[in-house]
């Protein structure tokens, strides 16, 4: 016989879980779990007076089965009825921890599995909750690399192998991931007043860079853009979020910026670096790289050129083959570290 506190802290397969823990594990909003309990009787079988709900492994198994069925398109009421009947009949359920909707996730964080479950069910509130929790706990770098990106890749693979069946799942998850990334202070509008304030501080402090003569010179922001014809923006949005999280100034131009417009933007902004994202080899344009390396601004006799950084699987690993001094970024964390070196306090 265990005490109340002992039961709450028990480890192993017999551990009782809180509603919040179950929600994070399964990718279901806590309000959804409570709604399912009220409507369909899917919830903790026992609840002691004066205590929060505690979910036993059996309770979790029932709601996990309901999640599996709803992810397959079964209406919630029917899914709940089937889950309860299977629990009574003792019908074996799929192995706990199996991938939602047949997705191949591999060895990933539980938060990634929960995010994928929510996306497959088209449960937008739960997707938002999972993303907010992941960013709050891990930050944008780990949140992208170990939660968002693996879920997106798994759903993309499923879409590619299942015709058009998962296109709605990919679109929904991409939209909410993009919204979460734009919530980084200084990136988008979701951060509200605090985001605007952070952006203003970043712009006004204008960190300096030590030039060749040893003096600190004013450093422009980092310009981020997809090359012409390139529509895959999420990895670039992740980089923008991480740079904003580090307090570095950026200008994000998103998808498929025409070459002439990019050249003009470089001349007008005077960026410290330009990041060119190409997801496909078909969009990785050598001529564009040459064009941007030759862009310049400033007074005659003191012209300045931007550093040009290429990123994405579309580019050749031999960055120097595109133009002298061009560098290739690999990985979100290392890319942010490299860009940060342009700036010193």
C-alpha atoms as a PDB file:
ATOM      1  CA  UNK A   1       0.000   0.000   0.000  1.00  0.00           C
ATOM      2  CA  UNK A   2       1.469   3.318  -1.043  1.00  0.00           C
ATOM      3  CA  UNK A   3       0.707   6.794   0.130  1.00  0.00           C
ATOM      4  CA  UNK A   4      -0.704   9.484  -2.181  1.00  0.00           C
ATOM      5  CA  UNK A   5       2.707  11.037  -2.762  1.00  0.00           C
ATOM      6  CA  UNK A   6       4.297   7.631  -3.285  1.00  0.00           C
ATOM      7  CA  UNK A   7       1.748   6.724  -5.949  1.00  0.00           C
ATOM      8  CA  UNK A   8       2.322   9.979  -7.775  1.00  0.00           C
ATOM      9  CA  UNK A   9       6.079   9.423  -7.869  1.00  0.00           C
ATOM     10  CA  UNK A  10       6.166   5.695  -8.612  1.00  0.00           C
ATOM     11  CA  UNK A  11       8.436   4.795 -11.518  1.00  0.00           C
ATOM     12  CA  UNK A  12       8.204   1.972 -14.039  1.00  0.00           C
ATOM     13  CA  UNK A  13       5.240   0.464 -15.850  1.00  0.00           C
ATOM     14  CA  UNK A  14       2.898   0.896 -12.881  1.00  0.00           C
ATOM     15  CA  UNK A  15       3.427   4.655 -12.620  1.00  0.00           C
ATOM     16  CA  UNK A  16       0.314   6.808 -12.511  1.00  0.00           C
ATOM     17  CA  UNK A  17       0.427   9.766 -14.869  1.00  0.00           C
ATOM     18  CA  UNK A  18      -1.119  13.202 -14.679  1.00  0.00           C
ATOM     19  CA  UNK A  19      -3.441  14.470 -17.401  1.00  0.00           C
ATOM     20  CA  UNK A  20      -0.724  16.824 -18.619  1.00  0.00           C
ATOM     21  CA  UNK A  21       1.785  13.968 -18.931  1.00  0.00           C
ATOM     22  CA  UNK A  22      -0.690  11.844 -20.875  1.00  0.00           C
ATOM     23  CA  UNK A  23      -1.478  14.778 -23.148  1.00  0.00           C
ATOM     24  CA  UNK A  24       2.203  15.362 -23.960  1.00  0.00           C
ATOM     25  CA  UNK A  25       2.785  11.684 -24.558  1.00  0.00           C
ATOM     26  CA  UNK A  26      -0.151  11.177 -26.914  1.00  0.00           C
ATOM     27  CA  UNK A  27      -0.221  14.575 -28.598  1.00  0.00           C
ATOM     28  CA  UNK A  28      -3.667  15.425 -27.264  1.00  0.00           C
ATOM     29  CA  UNK A  29      -4.631  18.719 -25.664  1.00  0.00           C
ATOM     30  CA  UNK A  30      -5.532  18.341 -21.953  1.00  0.00           C
ATOM     31  CA  UNK A  31      -8.914  19.944 -22.691  1.00  0.00           C
ATOM     32  CA  UNK A  32      -9.523  17.246 -25.325  1.00  0.00           C
ATOM     33  CA  UNK A  33      -8.812  14.498 -22.796  1.00  0.00           C
ATOM     34  CA  UNK A  34     -11.256  16.040 -20.343  1.00  0.00           C
ATOM     35  CA  UNK A  35     -13.848  16.413 -23.109  1.00  0.00           C
ATOM     36  CA  UNK A  36     -13.448  12.749 -24.104  1.00  0.00           C
ATOM     37  CA  UNK A  37     -13.911  11.740 -20.489  1.00  0.00           C
ATOM     38  CA  UNK A  38     -17.132  13.727 -20.187  1.00  0.00           C
ATOM     39  CA  UNK A  39     -18.570  12.660 -23.532  1.00  0.00           C
ATOM     40  CA  UNK A  40     -17.394   9.096 -23.974  1.00  0.00           C
ATOM     41  CA  UNK A  41     -16.214   7.840 -20.595  1.00  0.00           C
ATOM     42  CA  UNK A  42     -12.585   7.555 -21.748  1.00  0.00           C
ATOM     43  CA  UNK A  43     -10.555   8.577 -18.725  1.00  0.00           C
ATOM     44  CA  UNK A  44      -9.081   7.407 -15.431  1.00  0.00           C
ATOM     45  CA  UNK A  45     -11.098   4.492 -14.058  1.00  0.00           C
ATOM     46  CA  UNK A  46     -10.455   5.599 -10.457  1.00  0.00           C
ATOM     47  CA  UNK A  47     -10.151   9.019  -8.914  1.00  0.00           C
ATOM     48  CA  UNK A  48      -9.620   9.706  -5.238  1.00  0.00           C
ATOM     49  CA  UNK A  49     -11.478  12.558  -3.594  1.00  0.00           C
ATOM     50  CA  UNK A  50      -9.418  15.759  -3.391  1.00  0.00           C
ATOM     51  CA  UNK A  51      -6.749  14.565  -5.817  1.00  0.00           C
ATOM     52  CA  UNK A  52      -6.000  15.306  -9.460  1.00  0.00           C
ATOM     53  CA  UNK A  53      -6.752  12.653 -12.026  1.00  0.00           C
ATOM     54  CA  UNK A  54      -4.114   9.921 -12.206  1.00  0.00           C
ATOM     55  CA  UNK A  55      -3.943   7.724 -15.277  1.00  0.00           C
ATOM     56  CA  UNK A  56      -2.916   4.100 -14.876  1.00  0.00           C
ATOM     57  CA  UNK A  57      -1.277   2.173 -17.739  1.00  0.00           C
ATOM     58  CA  UNK A  58      -4.671   0.616 -18.508  1.00  0.00           C
ATOM     59  CA  UNK A  59      -6.312   4.048 -18.655  1.00  0.00           C
ATOM     60  CA  UNK A  60      -3.562   5.334 -20.953  1.00  0.00           C
ATOM     61  CA  UNK A  61      -3.940   2.260 -23.165  1.00  0.00           C
ATOM     62  CA  UNK A  62      -7.627   2.990 -23.701  1.00  0.00           C
ATOM     63  CA  UNK A  63      -7.104   6.587 -24.734  1.00  0.00           C
ATOM     64  CA  UNK A  64      -4.091   5.567 -26.825  1.00  0.00           C
ATOM     65  CA  UNK A  65      -6.308   3.144 -28.728  1.00  0.00           C
ATOM     66  CA  UNK A  66      -8.860   5.915 -29.242  1.00  0.00           C
ATOM     67  CA  UNK A  67      -6.112   8.149 -30.636  1.00  0.00           C
ATOM     68  CA  UNK A  68      -5.014   5.384 -32.994  1.00  0.00           C
ATOM     69  CA  UNK A  69      -8.534   4.903 -34.316  1.00  0.00           C
ATOM     70  CA  UNK A  70      -9.268   8.607 -34.760  1.00  0.00           C
ATOM     71  CA  UNK A  71      -5.962   8.956 -36.629  1.00  0.00           C
ATOM     72  CA  UNK A  72      -7.335   6.365 -39.072  1.00  0.00           C
ATOM     73  CA  UNK A  73     -10.469   8.460 -39.605  1.00  0.00           C
ATOM     74  CA  UNK A  74     -12.837   6.728 -37.199  1.00  0.00           C
ATOM     75  CA  UNK A  75     -15.340   9.205 -35.640  1.00  0.00           C
ATOM     76  CA  UNK A  76     -14.523   9.945 -31.969  1.00  0.00           C
ATOM     77  CA  UNK A  77     -17.721   8.410 -30.543  1.00  0.00           C
ATOM     78  CA  UNK A  78     -17.184   5.178 -32.478  1.00  0.00           C
ATOM     79  CA  UNK A  79     -13.470   5.123 -31.610  1.00  0.00           C
ATOM     80  CA  UNK A  80     -14.247   5.534 -27.909  1.00  0.00           C
ATOM     81  CA  UNK A  81     -16.839   2.747 -28.011  1.00  0.00           C
ATOM     82  CA  UNK A  82     -14.388   0.402 -29.729  1.00  0.00           C
ATOM     83  CA  UNK A  83     -11.580   1.254 -27.288  1.00  0.00           C
ATOM     84  CA  UNK A  84     -13.804   0.558 -24.286  1.00  0.00           C
ATOM     85  CA  UNK A  85     -15.070  -2.708 -25.767  1.00  0.00           C
ATOM     86  CA  UNK A  86     -11.551  -3.898 -26.504  1.00  0.00           C
ATOM     87  CA  UNK A  87     -10.509  -3.097 -22.949  1.00  0.00           C
ATOM     88  CA  UNK A  88     -13.395  -5.207 -21.584  1.00  0.00           C
ATOM     89  CA  UNK A  89     -12.718  -8.077 -24.008  1.00  0.00           C
ATOM     90  CA  UNK A  90      -8.975  -7.994 -23.388  1.00  0.00           C
ATOM     91  CA  UNK A  91      -8.134  -7.656 -27.080  1.00  0.00           C
ATOM     92  CA  UNK A  92      -4.406  -6.924 -27.494  1.00  0.00           C
ATOM     93  CA  UNK A  93      -3.665  -3.389 -28.623  1.00  0.00           C
ATOM     94  CA  UNK A  94      -0.774  -2.278 -30.815  1.00  0.00           C
ATOM     95  CA  UNK A  95       2.573  -2.141 -29.055  1.00  0.00           C
ATOM     96  CA  UNK A  96       2.817   0.981 -26.924  1.00  0.00           C
ATOM     97  CA  UNK A  97       5.100   3.538 -28.487  1.00  0.00           C
ATOM     98  CA  UNK A  98       4.320   2.346 -32.034  1.00  0.00           C
ATOM     99  CA  UNK A  99       4.296   5.112 -34.565  1.00  0.00           C
ATOM    100  CA  UNK A 100       1.051   7.008 -35.147  1.00  0.00           C
ATOM    101  CA  UNK A 101      -0.822   6.327 -38.368  1.00  0.00           C
ATOM    102  CA  UNK A 102       1.904   3.961 -39.586  1.00  0.00           C
ATOM    103  CA  UNK A 103       4.531   6.720 -39.695  1.00  0.00           C
ATOM    104  CA  UNK A 104       8.174   5.699 -39.581  1.00  0.00           C
ATOM    105  CA  UNK A 105       9.549   7.916 -36.825  1.00  0.00           C
ATOM    106  CA  UNK A 106      12.345   5.764 -35.483  1.00  0.00           C
ATOM    107  CA  UNK A 107      14.082   6.648 -32.235  1.00  0.00           C
ATOM    108  CA  UNK A 108      12.712  10.113 -31.472  1.00  0.00           C
ATOM    109  CA  UNK A 109      11.724  12.163 -28.466  1.00  0.00           C
ATOM    110  CA  UNK A 110       8.294  11.446 -27.029  1.00  0.00           C
ATOM    111  CA  UNK A 111       7.319  15.042 -27.858  1.00  0.00           C
ATOM    112  CA  UNK A 112       7.964  14.323 -31.542  1.00  0.00           C
ATOM    113  CA  UNK A 113       5.756  11.251 -31.404  1.00  0.00           C
ATOM    114  CA  UNK A 114       3.036  13.265 -29.682  1.00  0.00           C
ATOM    115  CA  UNK A 115       3.287  16.010 -32.317  1.00  0.00           C
ATOM    116  CA  UNK A 116       2.974  13.463 -35.129  1.00  0.00           C
ATOM    117  CA  UNK A 117      -0.051  11.854 -33.465  1.00  0.00           C
ATOM    118  CA  UNK A 118      -1.790  15.209 -33.186  1.00  0.00           C
ATOM    119  CA  UNK A 119      -1.011  16.084 -36.804  1.00  0.00           C
ATOM    120  CA  UNK A 120      -2.298  12.767 -38.146  1.00  0.00           C
ATOM    121  CA  UNK A 121      -5.568  13.359 -36.268  1.00  0.00           C
ATOM    122  CA  UNK A 122      -5.697  16.906 -37.707  1.00  0.00           C
ATOM    123  CA  UNK A 123      -6.004  18.079 -34.101  1.00  0.00           C
ATOM    124  CA  UNK A 124      -4.815  21.671 -34.535  1.00  0.00           C
ATOM    125  CA  UNK A 125      -5.168  22.718 -30.860  1.00  0.00           C
ATOM    126  CA  UNK A 126      -3.058  19.730 -29.800  1.00  0.00           C
ATOM    127  CA  UNK A 127      -0.461  20.498 -32.485  1.00  0.00           C
ATOM    128  CA  UNK A 128      -0.191  24.050 -31.155  1.00  0.00           C
ATOM    129  CA  UNK A 129       0.113  22.772 -27.592  1.00  0.00           C
ATOM    130  CA  UNK A 130       2.838  20.291 -28.532  1.00  0.00           C
ATOM    131  CA  UNK A 131       4.830  22.917 -30.437  1.00  0.00           C
ATOM    132  CA  UNK A 132       4.518  25.493 -27.673  1.00  0.00           C
ATOM    133  CA  UNK A 133       5.635  22.917 -25.114  1.00  0.00           C
ATOM    134  CA  UNK A 134       8.604  21.780 -27.227  1.00  0.00           C
ATOM    135  CA  UNK A 135       9.853  25.326 -27.840  1.00  0.00           C
ATOM    136  CA  UNK A 136       9.311  26.274 -24.202  1.00  0.00           C
ATOM    137  CA  UNK A 137      11.245  23.286 -22.908  1.00  0.00           C
ATOM    138  CA  UNK A 138      14.009  22.884 -25.495  1.00  0.00           C
ATOM    139  CA  UNK A 139      14.242  26.192 -27.375  1.00  0.00           C
ATOM    140  CA  UNK A 140      14.135  26.597 -31.140  1.00  0.00           C
ATOM    141  CA  UNK A 141      17.310  24.692 -32.043  1.00  0.00           C
ATOM    142  CA  UNK A 142      16.546  21.409 -30.292  1.00  0.00           C
ATOM    143  CA  UNK A 143      12.830  21.939 -30.814  1.00  0.00           C
ATOM    144  CA  UNK A 144      13.390  22.012 -34.578  1.00  0.00           C
ATOM    145  CA  UNK A 145      16.081  19.340 -34.838  1.00  0.00           C
ATOM    146  CA  UNK A 146      14.534  16.760 -32.500  1.00  0.00           C
ATOM    147  CA  UNK A 147      10.786  17.441 -32.521  1.00  0.00           C
ATOM    148  CA  UNK A 148       9.529  19.413 -35.541  1.00  0.00           C
ATOM    149  CA  UNK A 149      11.835  18.237 -38.326  1.00  0.00           C
ATOM    150  CA  UNK A 150      11.565  14.469 -37.611  1.00  0.00           C
ATOM    151  CA  UNK A 151       7.759  14.707 -37.540  1.00  0.00           C
ATOM    152  CA  UNK A 152       7.709  16.681 -40.795  1.00  0.00           C
ATOM    153  CA  UNK A 153      10.083  14.253 -42.495  1.00  0.00           C
ATOM    154  CA  UNK A 154       8.069  11.203 -41.397  1.00  0.00           C
ATOM    155  CA  UNK A 155       4.819  12.696 -42.651  1.00  0.00           C
ATOM    156  CA  UNK A 156       6.511  13.750 -45.898  1.00  0.00           C
ATOM    157  CA  UNK A 157       7.726  10.191 -46.469  1.00  0.00           C
ATOM    158  CA  UNK A 158       4.244   8.832 -45.735  1.00  0.00           C
ATOM    159  CA  UNK A 159       2.728  11.307 -48.181  1.00  0.00           C
ATOM    160  CA  UNK A 160       5.212  10.283 -50.877  1.00  0.00           C
ATOM    161  CA  UNK A 161       4.382   6.590 -50.421  1.00  0.00           C
ATOM    162  CA  UNK A 162       0.603   6.957 -50.004  1.00  0.00           C
ATOM    163  CA  UNK A 163      -0.386   9.147 -52.919  1.00  0.00           C
ATOM    164  CA  UNK A 164      -2.386  12.148 -51.772  1.00  0.00           C
ATOM    165  CA  UNK A 165      -3.686  10.582 -48.566  1.00  0.00           C
ATOM    166  CA  UNK A 166      -1.461  12.522 -46.165  1.00  0.00           C
ATOM    167  CA  UNK A 167      -1.278  15.834 -47.996  1.00  0.00           C
ATOM    168  CA  UNK A 168      -3.719  17.451 -45.568  1.00  0.00           C
ATOM    169  CA  UNK A 169      -1.633  16.265 -42.614  1.00  0.00           C
ATOM    170  CA  UNK A 170       1.558  17.716 -44.100  1.00  0.00           C
ATOM    171  CA  UNK A 171      -0.116  21.022 -44.878  1.00  0.00           C
ATOM    172  CA  UNK A 172      -1.602  21.382 -41.397  1.00  0.00           C
ATOM    173  CA  UNK A 173       1.629  20.519 -39.595  1.00  0.00           C
ATOM    174  CA  UNK A 174       3.697  22.789 -41.860  1.00  0.00           C
ATOM    175  CA  UNK A 175       1.377  25.722 -41.196  1.00  0.00           C
ATOM    176  CA  UNK A 176       1.523  25.380 -37.417  1.00  0.00           C
ATOM    177  CA  UNK A 177       5.267  24.728 -37.376  1.00  0.00           C
ATOM    178  CA  UNK A 178       5.732  27.897 -39.419  1.00  0.00           C
ATOM    179  CA  UNK A 179       3.521  29.800 -36.982  1.00  0.00           C
ATOM    180  CA  UNK A 180       5.542  28.493 -34.032  1.00  0.00           C
ATOM    181  CA  UNK A 181       8.833  29.487 -35.649  1.00  0.00           C
ATOM    182  CA  UNK A 182       7.543  32.962 -36.412  1.00  0.00           C
ATOM    183  CA  UNK A 183       6.659  33.295 -32.750  1.00  0.00           C
ATOM    184  CA  UNK A 184      10.341  33.759 -31.912  1.00  0.00           C
ATOM    185  CA  UNK A 185      10.957  37.292 -30.557  1.00  0.00           C
ATOM    186  CA  UNK A 186      11.846  39.574 -33.435  1.00  0.00           C
ATOM    187  CA  UNK A 187      10.696  37.168 -36.178  1.00  0.00           C
ATOM    188  CA  UNK A 188       6.915  37.430 -36.460  1.00  0.00           C
ATOM    189  CA  UNK A 189       3.771  38.956 -35.022  1.00  0.00           C
ATOM    190  CA  UNK A 190       2.864  36.064 -32.731  1.00  0.00           C
ATOM    191  CA  UNK A 191       5.218  37.298 -30.044  1.00  0.00           C
ATOM    192  CA  UNK A 192       3.162  40.457 -29.615  1.00  0.00           C
ATOM    193  CA  UNK A 193       4.624  43.521 -27.944  1.00  0.00           C
ATOM    194  CA  UNK A 194       7.547  41.660 -26.434  1.00  0.00           C
ATOM    195  CA  UNK A 195       8.602  40.458 -29.892  1.00  0.00           C
ATOM    196  CA  UNK A 196       8.467  43.985 -31.267  1.00  0.00           C
ATOM    197  CA  UNK A 197      10.467  45.284 -28.328  1.00  0.00           C
ATOM    198  CA  UNK A 198      13.109  42.590 -28.800  1.00  0.00           C
ATOM    199  CA  UNK A 199      13.353  43.393 -32.487  1.00  0.00           C
ATOM    200  CA  UNK A 200      13.787  47.086 -31.710  1.00  0.00           C
ATOM    201  CA  UNK A 201      16.538  46.367 -29.218  1.00  0.00           C
ATOM    202  CA  UNK A 202      18.343  44.116 -31.702  1.00  0.00           C
ATOM    203  CA  UNK A 203      18.122  46.776 -34.383  1.00  0.00           C
ATOM    204  CA  UNK A 204      19.225  49.620 -32.129  1.00  0.00           C
ATOM    205  CA  UNK A 205      22.175  47.919 -30.448  1.00  0.00           C
ATOM    206  CA  UNK A 206      23.782  47.018 -33.816  1.00  0.00           C
ATOM    207  CA  UNK A 207      26.550  44.802 -32.551  1.00  0.00           C
ATOM    208  CA  UNK A 208      29.947  45.530 -34.046  1.00  0.00           C
ATOM    209  CA  UNK A 209      32.301  43.425 -36.095  1.00  0.00           C
ATOM    210  CA  UNK A 210      36.051  43.758 -35.872  1.00  0.00           C
ATOM    211  CA  UNK A 211      37.324  44.688 -39.323  1.00  0.00           C
ATOM    212  CA  UNK A 212      40.690  43.963 -40.893  1.00  0.00           C
ATOM    213  CA  UNK A 213      42.098  47.215 -39.519  1.00  0.00           C
ATOM    214  CA  UNK A 214      41.206  46.174 -35.979  1.00  0.00           C
ATOM    215  CA  UNK A 215      38.366  48.654 -35.451  1.00  0.00           C
ATOM    216  CA  UNK A 216      34.736  47.738 -34.938  1.00  0.00           C
ATOM    217  CA  UNK A 217      32.529  48.512 -37.912  1.00  0.00           C
ATOM    218  CA  UNK A 218      28.751  48.639 -38.079  1.00  0.00           C
ATOM    219  CA  UNK A 219      27.345  45.277 -39.095  1.00  0.00           C
ATOM    220  CA  UNK A 220      24.211  44.875 -41.154  1.00  0.00           C
ATOM    221  CA  UNK A 221      21.631  42.155 -40.535  1.00  0.00           C
ATOM    222  CA  UNK A 222      21.760  38.683 -42.024  1.00  0.00           C
ATOM    223  CA  UNK A 223      19.592  38.395 -45.129  1.00  0.00           C
ATOM    224  CA  UNK A 224      17.768  35.062 -45.416  1.00  0.00           C
ATOM    225  CA  UNK A 225      16.039  33.986 -48.620  1.00  0.00           C
ATOM    226  CA  UNK A 226      15.082  31.035 -50.753  1.00  0.00           C
ATOM    227  CA  UNK A 227      16.530  31.136 -54.254  1.00  0.00           C
ATOM    228  CA  UNK A 228      14.223  31.788 -57.236  1.00  0.00           C
ATOM    229  CA  UNK A 229      11.826  28.885 -57.772  1.00  0.00           C
ATOM    230  CA  UNK A 230      12.371  27.481 -54.255  1.00  0.00           C
ATOM    231  CA  UNK A 231       9.221  27.148 -52.128  1.00  0.00           C
ATOM    232  CA  UNK A 232      10.556  25.130 -49.162  1.00  0.00           C
ATOM    233  CA  UNK A 233      10.932  27.761 -46.441  1.00  0.00           C
ATOM    234  CA  UNK A 234      10.616  25.919 -43.127  1.00  0.00           C
ATOM    235  CA  UNK A 235      14.338  25.175 -42.565  1.00  0.00           C
ATOM    236  CA  UNK A 236      15.116  28.811 -43.303  1.00  0.00           C
ATOM    237  CA  UNK A 237      12.339  29.902 -40.916  1.00  0.00           C
ATOM    238  CA  UNK A 238      13.949  27.692 -38.259  1.00  0.00           C
ATOM    239  CA  UNK A 239      17.279  29.441 -38.822  1.00  0.00           C
ATOM    240  CA  UNK A 240      15.575  32.841 -38.542  1.00  0.00           C
ATOM    241  CA  UNK A 241      14.001  31.766 -35.233  1.00  0.00           C
ATOM    242  CA  UNK A 242      17.321  30.540 -33.806  1.00  0.00           C
ATOM    243  CA  UNK A 243      19.149  33.712 -34.846  1.00  0.00           C
ATOM    244  CA  UNK A 244      16.401  35.834 -33.285  1.00  0.00           C
ATOM    245  CA  UNK A 245      16.633  33.718 -30.131  1.00  0.00           C
ATOM    246  CA  UNK A 246      20.322  34.646 -30.012  1.00  0.00           C
ATOM    247  CA  UNK A 247      19.527  38.334 -30.502  1.00  0.00           C
ATOM    248  CA  UNK A 248      21.022  38.582 -33.997  1.00  0.00           C
ATOM    249  CA  UNK A 249      19.356  40.913 -36.553  1.00  0.00           C
ATOM    250  CA  UNK A 250      17.879  39.293 -39.666  1.00  0.00           C
ATOM    251  CA  UNK A 251      15.827  40.151 -42.735  1.00  0.00           C
ATOM    252  CA  UNK A 252      13.692  37.226 -43.914  1.00  0.00           C
ATOM    253  CA  UNK A 253      12.412  37.245 -47.508  1.00  0.00           C
ATOM    254  CA  UNK A 254      10.882  33.763 -47.618  1.00  0.00           C
ATOM    255  CA  UNK A 255      10.176  31.779 -50.759  1.00  0.00           C
ATOM    256  CA  UNK A 256      11.373  32.274 -54.314  1.00  0.00           C
ATOM    257  CA  UNK A 257      12.745  35.819 -54.237  1.00  0.00           C
ATOM    258  CA  UNK A 258      13.581  36.845 -57.845  1.00  0.00           C
ATOM    259  CA  UNK A 259      17.273  37.395 -58.541  1.00  0.00           C
ATOM    260  CA  UNK A 260      16.877  41.061 -59.459  1.00  0.00           C
ATOM    261  CA  UNK A 261      14.865  41.777 -56.312  1.00  0.00           C
ATOM    262  CA  UNK A 262      17.445  39.971 -54.161  1.00  0.00           C
ATOM    263  CA  UNK A 263      20.295  41.957 -55.711  1.00  0.00           C
ATOM    264  CA  UNK A 264      18.457  45.219 -55.056  1.00  0.00           C
ATOM    265  CA  UNK A 265      17.657  44.192 -51.463  1.00  0.00           C
ATOM    266  CA  UNK A 266      21.336  43.445 -50.811  1.00  0.00           C
ATOM    267  CA  UNK A 267      22.380  46.868 -52.126  1.00  0.00           C
ATOM    268  CA  UNK A 268      19.714  48.657 -50.070  1.00  0.00           C
ATOM    269  CA  UNK A 269      20.192  46.768 -46.777  1.00  0.00           C
ATOM    270  CA  UNK A 270      23.948  46.231 -46.773  1.00  0.00           C
ATOM    271  CA  UNK A 271      23.803  42.856 -44.976  1.00  0.00           C
ATOM    272  CA  UNK A 272      26.732  41.280 -43.202  1.00  0.00           C
ATOM    273  CA  UNK A 273      25.844  37.968 -44.843  1.00  0.00           C
ATOM    274  CA  UNK A 274      23.345  36.535 -47.311  1.00  0.00           C
ATOM    275  CA  UNK A 275      22.023  33.004 -46.783  1.00  0.00           C
ATOM    276  CA  UNK A 276      20.713  31.363 -49.979  1.00  0.00           C
ATOM    277  CA  UNK A 277      18.514  28.307 -49.367  1.00  0.00           C
ATOM    278  CA  UNK A 278      18.021  25.685 -52.112  1.00  0.00           C
ATOM    279  CA  UNK A 279      16.179  22.469 -51.324  1.00  0.00           C
ATOM    280  CA  UNK A 280      16.482  21.084 -54.854  1.00  0.00           C
ATOM    281  CA  UNK A 281      19.392  20.877 -57.261  1.00  0.00           C
ATOM    282  CA  UNK A 282      17.071  22.306 -59.885  1.00  0.00           C
ATOM    283  CA  UNK A 283      16.915  25.607 -57.985  1.00  0.00           C
ATOM    284  CA  UNK A 284      20.588  25.831 -56.915  1.00  0.00           C
ATOM    285  CA  UNK A 285      21.792  28.507 -59.339  1.00  0.00           C
ATOM    286  CA  UNK A 286      25.535  29.143 -59.714  1.00  0.00           C
ATOM    287  CA  UNK A 287      24.889  32.396 -61.597  1.00  0.00           C
ATOM    288  CA  UNK A 288      22.850  33.736 -58.672  1.00  0.00           C
ATOM    289  CA  UNK A 289      25.723  33.080 -56.262  1.00  0.00           C
ATOM    290  CA  UNK A 290      28.101  35.010 -58.534  1.00  0.00           C
ATOM    291  CA  UNK A 291      25.605  37.856 -58.797  1.00  0.00           C
ATOM    292  CA  UNK A 292      25.276  38.256 -55.015  1.00  0.00           C
ATOM    293  CA  UNK A 293      29.016  37.986 -54.342  1.00  0.00           C
ATOM    294  CA  UNK A 294      29.499  40.912 -56.722  1.00  0.00           C
ATOM    295  CA  UNK A 295      26.828  43.071 -55.082  1.00  0.00           C
ATOM    296  CA  UNK A 296      28.302  46.081 -53.307  1.00  0.00           C
ATOM    297  CA  UNK A 297      27.302  49.234 -51.497  1.00  0.00           C
ATOM    298  CA  UNK A 298      28.873  52.204 -49.785  1.00  0.00           C
ATOM    299  CA  UNK A 299      30.880  55.203 -50.926  1.00  0.00           C
ATOM    300  CA  UNK A 300      33.217  54.970 -53.869  1.00  0.00           C
ATOM    301  CA  UNK A 301      36.602  53.731 -52.742  1.00  0.00           C
ATOM    302  CA  UNK A 302      35.091  52.026 -49.689  1.00  0.00           C
ATOM    303  CA  UNK A 303      32.710  49.541 -51.250  1.00  0.00           C
ATOM    304  CA  UNK A 304      31.543  46.583 -49.150  1.00  0.00           C
ATOM    305  CA  UNK A 305      30.487  43.101 -50.251  1.00  0.00           C
ATOM    306  CA  UNK A 306      28.382  40.619 -48.246  1.00  0.00           C
ATOM    307  CA  UNK A 307      29.547  37.204 -47.152  1.00  0.00           C
ATOM    308  CA  UNK A 308      27.578  34.621 -49.130  1.00  0.00           C
ATOM    309  CA  UNK A 309      26.476  31.443 -47.372  1.00  0.00           C
ATOM    310  CA  UNK A 310      24.661  28.653 -49.204  1.00  0.00           C
ATOM    311  CA  UNK A 311      22.400  26.223 -47.363  1.00  0.00           C
ATOM    312  CA  UNK A 312      20.152  23.305 -48.205  1.00  0.00           C
ATOM    313  CA  UNK A 313      20.547  19.894 -49.893  1.00  0.00           C
ATOM    314  CA  UNK A 314      20.318  21.412 -53.378  1.00  0.00           C
ATOM    315  CA  UNK A 315      23.838  22.839 -53.274  1.00  0.00           C
ATOM    316  CA  UNK A 316      27.016  20.928 -54.009  1.00  0.00           C
ATOM    317  CA  UNK A 317      29.189  20.211 -50.932  1.00  0.00           C
ATOM    318  CA  UNK A 318      32.060  22.026 -52.677  1.00  0.00           C
ATOM    319  CA  UNK A 319      30.879  25.564 -51.883  1.00  0.00           C
ATOM    320  CA  UNK A 320      34.034  27.156 -53.254  1.00  0.00           C
ATOM    321  CA  UNK A 321      33.141  25.893 -56.715  1.00  0.00           C
ATOM    322  CA  UNK A 322      30.349  28.471 -56.936  1.00  0.00           C
ATOM    323  CA  UNK A 323      32.454  31.548 -56.234  1.00  0.00           C
ATOM    324  CA  UNK A 324      35.550  32.438 -54.165  1.00  0.00           C
ATOM    325  CA  UNK A 325      34.821  32.843 -50.461  1.00  0.00           C
ATOM    326  CA  UNK A 326      31.395  31.186 -50.542  1.00  0.00           C
ATOM    327  CA  UNK A 327      30.703  28.928 -47.548  1.00  0.00           C
ATOM    328  CA  UNK A 328      28.204  26.095 -47.215  1.00  0.00           C
ATOM    329  CA  UNK A 329      26.140  25.823 -44.026  1.00  0.00           C
ATOM    330  CA  UNK A 330      25.276  22.360 -42.702  1.00  0.00           C
ATOM    331  CA  UNK A 331      22.914  21.772 -39.811  1.00  0.00           C
ATOM    332  CA  UNK A 332      20.877  24.341 -37.941  1.00  0.00           C
ATOM    333  CA  UNK A 333      23.092  24.619 -34.876  1.00  0.00           C
ATOM    334  CA  UNK A 334      26.355  24.875 -36.781  1.00  0.00           C
ATOM    335  CA  UNK A 335      24.789  27.357 -39.221  1.00  0.00           C
ATOM    336  CA  UNK A 336      23.711  29.623 -36.370  1.00  0.00           C
ATOM    337  CA  UNK A 337      27.151  29.323 -34.746  1.00  0.00           C
ATOM    338  CA  UNK A 338      28.851  30.304 -38.006  1.00  0.00           C
ATOM    339  CA  UNK A 339      26.605  33.328 -38.533  1.00  0.00           C
ATOM    340  CA  UNK A 340      27.056  34.423 -34.934  1.00  0.00           C
ATOM    341  CA  UNK A 341      30.789  34.724 -35.539  1.00  0.00           C
ATOM    342  CA  UNK A 342      30.115  37.705 -37.805  1.00  0.00           C
ATOM    343  CA  UNK A 343      29.072  39.593 -34.687  1.00  0.00           C
ATOM    344  CA  UNK A 344      30.938  40.505 -31.523  1.00  0.00           C
ATOM    345  CA  UNK A 345      29.764  42.423 -28.488  1.00  0.00           C
END
